[in-house]
């Protein structure tokens, strides 16, 4: 871990150690992964800013879940929550609570995750937490409840006021809906996301949102990898064909991209 010693910022160092640990776990070296995460926790404890400390600890907890140490992950989440409660800025606090809720769900603590999500005031962070819970439910085989939770996430996503954030997030929900098997609702959500992009004034933000929508439409999940390490990246591949409705939406996306 010599390279991490060169990182002066404690938040950056804790994040780097977490990434390295996940890579070690994926490679089968869970002993070294957990040792690295223990080091990451020690680094995180030295962070002075409460929002940064809560963020670092929640990230480490996620890595612990991915590395298979649920007990330590829950203990670390408890610490993260203690610091998150001290954050004054509503949006920053909501973001951390969303990460905590999603990680609780990944650890199998669905009830706690739902309770945590209900405390989140920011619409985008609430939607993100619910999306994370839905993902965990789907992985656990509860497809019906996963879809119900995604529809709740969609309701909150529709309340996001900032259109440059709303459009990409709607496409994220659409991707999750498609993966969960509700292709019809997924397509309807992508159409809504496309409509929202027309309200984005900044050209760069609009192009970014359109790329998210295009990728959601044009890709599909690939078979889950067979490693024991949980992968939150949701690997995807390009579709080989579109349905007529998908093809029509694809044309609309291209037209939107071509407009000045």
Protein backbone atom coordinates (compact mmCIF):
# COMPACT_ATOMS: atom_id res chain seq x y z
CA UNK A 1 0.00 0.00 0.00
CA UNK A 2 2.96 2.29 -0.52
CA UNK A 3 1.10 4.40 -3.04
CA UNK A 4 -1.59 5.35 -0.49
CA UNK A 5 1.10 6.67 1.86
CA UNK A 6 1.76 9.42 -0.65
CA UNK A 7 -1.82 10.68 -0.38
CA UNK A 8 -1.81 13.53 2.12
CA UNK A 9 -5.59 14.03 2.27
CA UNK A 10 -7.08 11.57 4.78
CA UNK A 11 -10.40 11.33 2.93
CA UNK A 12 -8.60 10.49 -0.30
CA UNK A 13 -6.43 7.95 1.47
CA UNK A 14 -9.41 6.20 3.08
CA UNK A 15 -11.19 6.08 -0.29
CA UNK A 16 -8.11 4.69 -2.05
CA UNK A 17 -7.69 1.98 0.59
CA UNK A 18 -11.35 0.99 0.19
CA UNK A 19 -10.97 0.64 -3.58
CA UNK A 20 -7.81 -1.44 -3.15
CA UNK A 21 -9.57 -3.66 -0.62
CA UNK A 22 -12.47 -4.37 -2.97
CA UNK A 23 -9.99 -5.27 -5.71
CA UNK A 24 -8.15 -7.61 -3.33
CA UNK A 25 -11.41 -9.29 -2.33
CA UNK A 26 -12.37 -9.71 -5.99
CA UNK A 27 -9.01 -11.35 -6.59
CA UNK A 28 -9.70 -13.81 -3.77
CA UNK A 29 -7.44 -12.31 -1.11
CA UNK A 30 -10.10 -11.53 1.47
CA UNK A 31 -7.67 -11.66 4.39
CA UNK A 32 -5.60 -8.83 2.94
CA UNK A 33 -8.75 -7.01 1.85
CA UNK A 34 -10.11 -6.94 5.40
CA UNK A 35 -6.72 -5.89 6.77
CA UNK A 36 -6.70 -3.03 4.28
CA UNK A 37 -10.20 -1.97 5.30
CA UNK A 38 -9.15 -1.99 8.94
CA UNK A 39 -6.41 0.42 7.97
CA UNK A 40 -8.96 2.52 6.06
CA UNK A 41 -11.11 2.82 9.21
CA UNK A 42 -8.09 4.01 11.19
CA UNK A 43 -7.42 6.66 8.54
CA UNK A 44 -11.09 7.72 8.49
CA UNK A 45 -11.06 8.28 12.24
CA UNK A 46 -8.46 11.02 11.72
CA UNK A 47 -10.71 13.02 9.37
CA UNK A 48 -11.85 16.19 11.12
CA UNK A 49 -14.76 17.36 8.96
CA UNK A 50 -17.86 15.40 10.03
CA UNK A 51 -19.39 15.18 6.54
CA UNK A 52 -16.12 13.84 5.11
CA UNK A 53 -15.73 11.39 7.99
CA UNK A 54 -19.29 10.10 7.61
CA UNK A 55 -18.79 9.74 3.85
CA UNK A 56 -15.51 7.86 4.28
CA UNK A 57 -16.96 5.50 6.88
CA UNK A 58 -20.04 4.76 4.78
CA UNK A 59 -17.79 3.98 1.81
CA UNK A 60 -15.67 1.65 3.93
CA UNK A 61 -18.82 -0.08 5.17
CA UNK A 62 -19.90 -0.72 1.59
CA UNK A 63 -16.48 -2.21 0.83
CA UNK A 64 -16.79 -4.42 3.93
CA UNK A 65 -20.13 -5.75 2.67
CA UNK A 66 -18.58 -6.45 -0.73
CA UNK A 67 -15.69 -8.22 0.99
CA UNK A 68 -18.09 -10.36 3.03
CA UNK A 69 -17.69 -8.95 6.55
CA UNK A 70 -21.27 -8.01 7.41
CA UNK A 71 -20.65 -7.66 11.16
CA UNK A 72 -17.88 -5.11 10.75
CA UNK A 73 -19.81 -3.37 7.99
CA UNK A 74 -22.78 -2.80 10.31
CA UNK A 75 -20.51 -1.55 13.08
CA UNK A 76 -18.89 0.90 10.67
CA UNK A 77 -22.29 2.05 9.40
CA UNK A 78 -23.29 2.78 12.98
CA UNK A 79 -20.27 5.07 13.30
CA UNK A 80 -21.05 6.69 9.95
CA UNK A 81 -24.61 7.40 11.09
CA UNK A 82 -23.41 9.03 14.31
CA UNK A 83 -21.36 11.52 12.32
CA UNK A 84 -24.01 11.95 9.62
CA UNK A 85 -26.51 13.11 12.24
CA UNK A 86 -24.15 16.01 13.04
CA UNK A 87 -24.13 17.33 9.45
CA UNK A 88 -26.03 20.61 9.24
CA UNK A 89 -26.44 20.94 5.47
CA UNK A 90 -29.62 19.07 4.49
CA UNK A 91 -28.43 17.90 1.05
CA UNK A 92 -25.08 16.64 2.38
CA UNK A 93 -26.75 14.81 5.24
CA UNK A 94 -29.32 13.29 2.88
CA UNK A 95 -26.58 12.03 0.56
CA UNK A 96 -24.80 10.19 3.38
CA UNK A 97 -28.05 8.76 4.79
CA UNK A 98 -28.85 7.47 1.31
CA UNK A 99 -25.51 5.66 1.12
CA UNK A 100 -26.06 4.20 4.58
CA UNK A 101 -29.55 2.99 3.66
CA UNK A 102 -28.33 1.38 0.44
CA UNK A 103 -25.45 -0.34 2.25
CA UNK A 104 -27.77 -1.61 4.98
CA UNK A 105 -29.90 -3.14 2.24
CA UNK A 106 -26.86 -4.75 0.62
CA UNK A 107 -26.00 -6.23 4.01
CA UNK A 108 -29.46 -7.80 4.15
CA UNK A 109 -30.90 -5.37 6.68
CA UNK A 110 -33.89 -4.37 4.55
CA UNK A 111 -36.14 -3.21 7.40
CA UNK A 112 -33.44 -0.90 8.78
CA UNK A 113 -32.70 0.37 5.29
CA UNK A 114 -36.34 1.28 4.67
CA UNK A 115 -36.56 3.03 8.03
CA UNK A 116 -33.42 4.98 7.21
CA UNK A 117 -34.76 6.00 3.80
CA UNK A 118 -37.87 7.45 5.43
CA UNK A 119 -35.69 9.94 7.31
CA UNK A 120 -34.25 11.40 4.11
CA UNK A 121 -35.72 14.77 3.20
CA UNK A 122 -34.03 15.38 -0.16
CA UNK A 123 -35.98 13.86 -3.08
CA UNK A 124 -32.97 12.73 -5.10
CA UNK A 125 -31.25 11.09 -2.14
CA UNK A 126 -34.52 9.43 -1.07
CA UNK A 127 -34.96 8.06 -4.59
CA UNK A 128 -31.36 6.86 -4.61
CA UNK A 129 -31.81 5.05 -1.29
CA UNK A 130 -34.98 3.35 -2.51
CA UNK A 131 -33.26 2.34 -5.72
CA UNK A 132 -30.47 0.77 -3.65
CA UNK A 133 -32.98 -1.09 -1.52
CA UNK A 134 -34.76 -2.34 -4.63
CA UNK A 135 -31.48 -3.62 -6.04
CA UNK A 136 -30.82 -5.57 -2.84
CA UNK A 137 -34.34 -7.00 -2.89
CA UNK A 138 -33.90 -8.12 -6.50
CA UNK A 139 -30.59 -9.78 -5.67
CA UNK A 140 -32.32 -11.58 -2.81
CA UNK A 141 -34.93 -12.91 -5.24
CA UNK A 142 -37.87 -10.76 -4.10
CA UNK A 143 -38.75 -9.42 -7.53
CA UNK A 144 -42.26 -8.27 -6.59
CA UNK A 145 -41.09 -6.12 -3.68
CA UNK A 146 -38.14 -4.87 -5.72
CA UNK A 147 -40.49 -3.54 -8.39
CA UNK A 148 -42.76 -1.96 -5.79
CA UNK A 149 -39.78 -0.21 -4.23
CA UNK A 150 -38.55 0.99 -7.61
CA UNK A 151 -41.94 2.56 -8.25
CA UNK A 152 -41.58 4.40 -4.94
CA UNK A 153 -38.12 5.53 -6.06
CA UNK A 154 -39.66 6.77 -9.30
CA UNK A 155 -42.21 8.83 -7.38
CA UNK A 156 -39.42 10.65 -5.54
CA UNK A 157 -37.30 10.98 -8.67
CA UNK A 158 -40.21 12.82 -10.27
CA UNK A 159 -40.04 15.34 -7.41
CA UNK A 160 -36.42 16.32 -8.14
CA UNK A 161 -36.52 20.02 -8.92
CA UNK A 162 -33.21 20.45 -10.72
CA UNK A 163 -33.91 19.22 -14.26
CA UNK A 164 -30.22 18.56 -15.06
CA UNK A 165 -30.22 16.04 -12.20
CA UNK A 166 -33.74 14.74 -12.73
CA UNK A 167 -33.29 13.50 -16.32
CA UNK A 168 -30.19 11.34 -15.70
CA UNK A 169 -31.68 9.93 -12.50
CA UNK A 170 -34.89 8.97 -14.25
CA UNK A 171 -32.79 7.02 -16.74
CA UNK A 172 -31.07 5.24 -13.83
CA UNK A 173 -34.47 4.22 -12.45
CA UNK A 174 -35.50 3.10 -15.95
CA UNK A 175 -32.43 0.88 -16.17
CA UNK A 176 -33.28 -0.71 -12.82
CA UNK A 177 -36.91 -1.23 -13.86
CA UNK A 178 -35.84 -2.97 -17.05
CA UNK A 179 -33.44 -5.20 -15.15
CA UNK A 180 -36.24 -6.09 -12.72
CA UNK A 181 -38.44 -7.10 -15.64
CA UNK A 182 -40.83 -4.16 -16.06
CA UNK A 183 -39.87 -3.17 -19.60
CA UNK A 184 -43.06 -1.17 -20.16
CA UNK A 185 -42.53 1.08 -17.14
CA UNK A 186 -38.83 1.36 -17.98
CA UNK A 187 -39.61 2.66 -21.45
CA UNK A 188 -42.22 5.09 -20.11
CA UNK A 189 -39.67 6.41 -17.62
CA UNK A 190 -37.08 6.93 -20.36
CA UNK A 191 -39.66 8.86 -22.38
CA UNK A 192 -40.28 11.07 -19.35
CA UNK A 193 -36.52 11.58 -18.93
CA UNK A 194 -36.29 12.65 -22.57
CA UNK A 195 -39.10 15.17 -22.04
CA UNK A 196 -37.27 16.59 -19.02
CA UNK A 197 -34.10 17.16 -21.06
CA UNK A 198 -35.98 19.71 -23.17
CA UNK A 199 -36.11 21.95 -20.09
CA UNK A 200 -32.33 21.85 -19.55
CA UNK A 201 -30.83 25.12 -20.74
CA UNK A 202 -27.13 24.33 -20.41
CA UNK A 203 -25.94 22.52 -23.57
CA UNK A 204 -23.36 20.43 -21.76
CA UNK A 205 -25.81 19.30 -19.08
CA UNK A 206 -28.39 18.46 -21.74
CA UNK A 207 -25.87 16.39 -23.72
CA UNK A 208 -24.86 14.56 -20.53
CA UNK A 209 -28.49 13.73 -19.74
CA UNK A 210 -29.14 12.51 -23.29
CA UNK A 211 -26.13 10.20 -23.10
CA UNK A 212 -27.50 8.65 -19.91
CA UNK A 213 -30.87 8.07 -21.57
CA UNK A 214 -29.28 6.64 -24.71
CA UNK A 215 -27.10 4.22 -22.74
CA UNK A 216 -30.05 3.07 -20.67
CA UNK A 217 -32.04 2.34 -23.81
CA UNK A 218 -29.21 0.78 -25.82
CA UNK A 219 -27.79 -1.57 -23.18
CA UNK A 220 -28.96 -4.57 -21.20
CA UNK A 221 -27.62 -6.46 -18.16
CA UNK A 222 -25.06 -9.17 -18.76
CA UNK A 223 -25.09 -12.36 -16.68
CA UNK A 224 -23.93 -11.81 -13.12
CA UNK A 225 -20.27 -12.65 -12.53
CA UNK A 226 -19.70 -15.74 -10.47
CA UNK A 227 -17.33 -14.23 -7.93
CA UNK A 228 -18.33 -14.19 -4.27
CA UNK A 229 -17.62 -10.48 -4.12
CA UNK A 230 -20.75 -8.42 -4.72
CA UNK A 231 -20.36 -6.05 -7.65
CA UNK A 232 -22.36 -2.80 -7.48
CA UNK A 233 -21.42 -1.73 -11.01
CA UNK A 234 -24.25 -3.67 -12.72
CA UNK A 235 -22.26 -4.76 -15.82
CA UNK A 236 -24.13 -4.16 -19.09
CA UNK A 237 -23.72 -4.86 -22.81
CA UNK A 238 -25.12 -3.35 -25.99
CA UNK A 239 -28.46 -4.73 -27.20
CA UNK A 240 -28.42 -6.57 -30.51
CA UNK A 241 -31.95 -5.46 -31.45
CA UNK A 242 -34.69 -2.99 -30.49
CA UNK A 243 -38.43 -3.51 -30.17
CA UNK A 244 -40.52 -1.17 -32.37
CA UNK A 245 -41.26 1.09 -29.37
CA UNK A 246 -37.58 1.19 -28.40
CA UNK A 247 -36.62 2.00 -31.97
CA UNK A 248 -39.06 4.92 -32.01
CA UNK A 249 -37.63 6.29 -28.77
CA UNK A 250 -34.09 5.85 -30.11
CA UNK A 251 -35.01 8.03 -33.11
CA UNK A 252 -36.38 10.70 -30.76
CA UNK A 253 -33.16 10.65 -28.72
CA UNK A 254 -31.06 11.06 -31.86
CA UNK A 255 -33.24 13.96 -32.99
CA UNK A 256 -32.85 15.61 -29.58
CA UNK A 257 -29.07 15.20 -29.80
CA UNK A 258 -29.04 16.83 -33.24
CA UNK A 259 -30.97 19.91 -32.17
CA UNK A 260 -28.96 23.01 -31.41
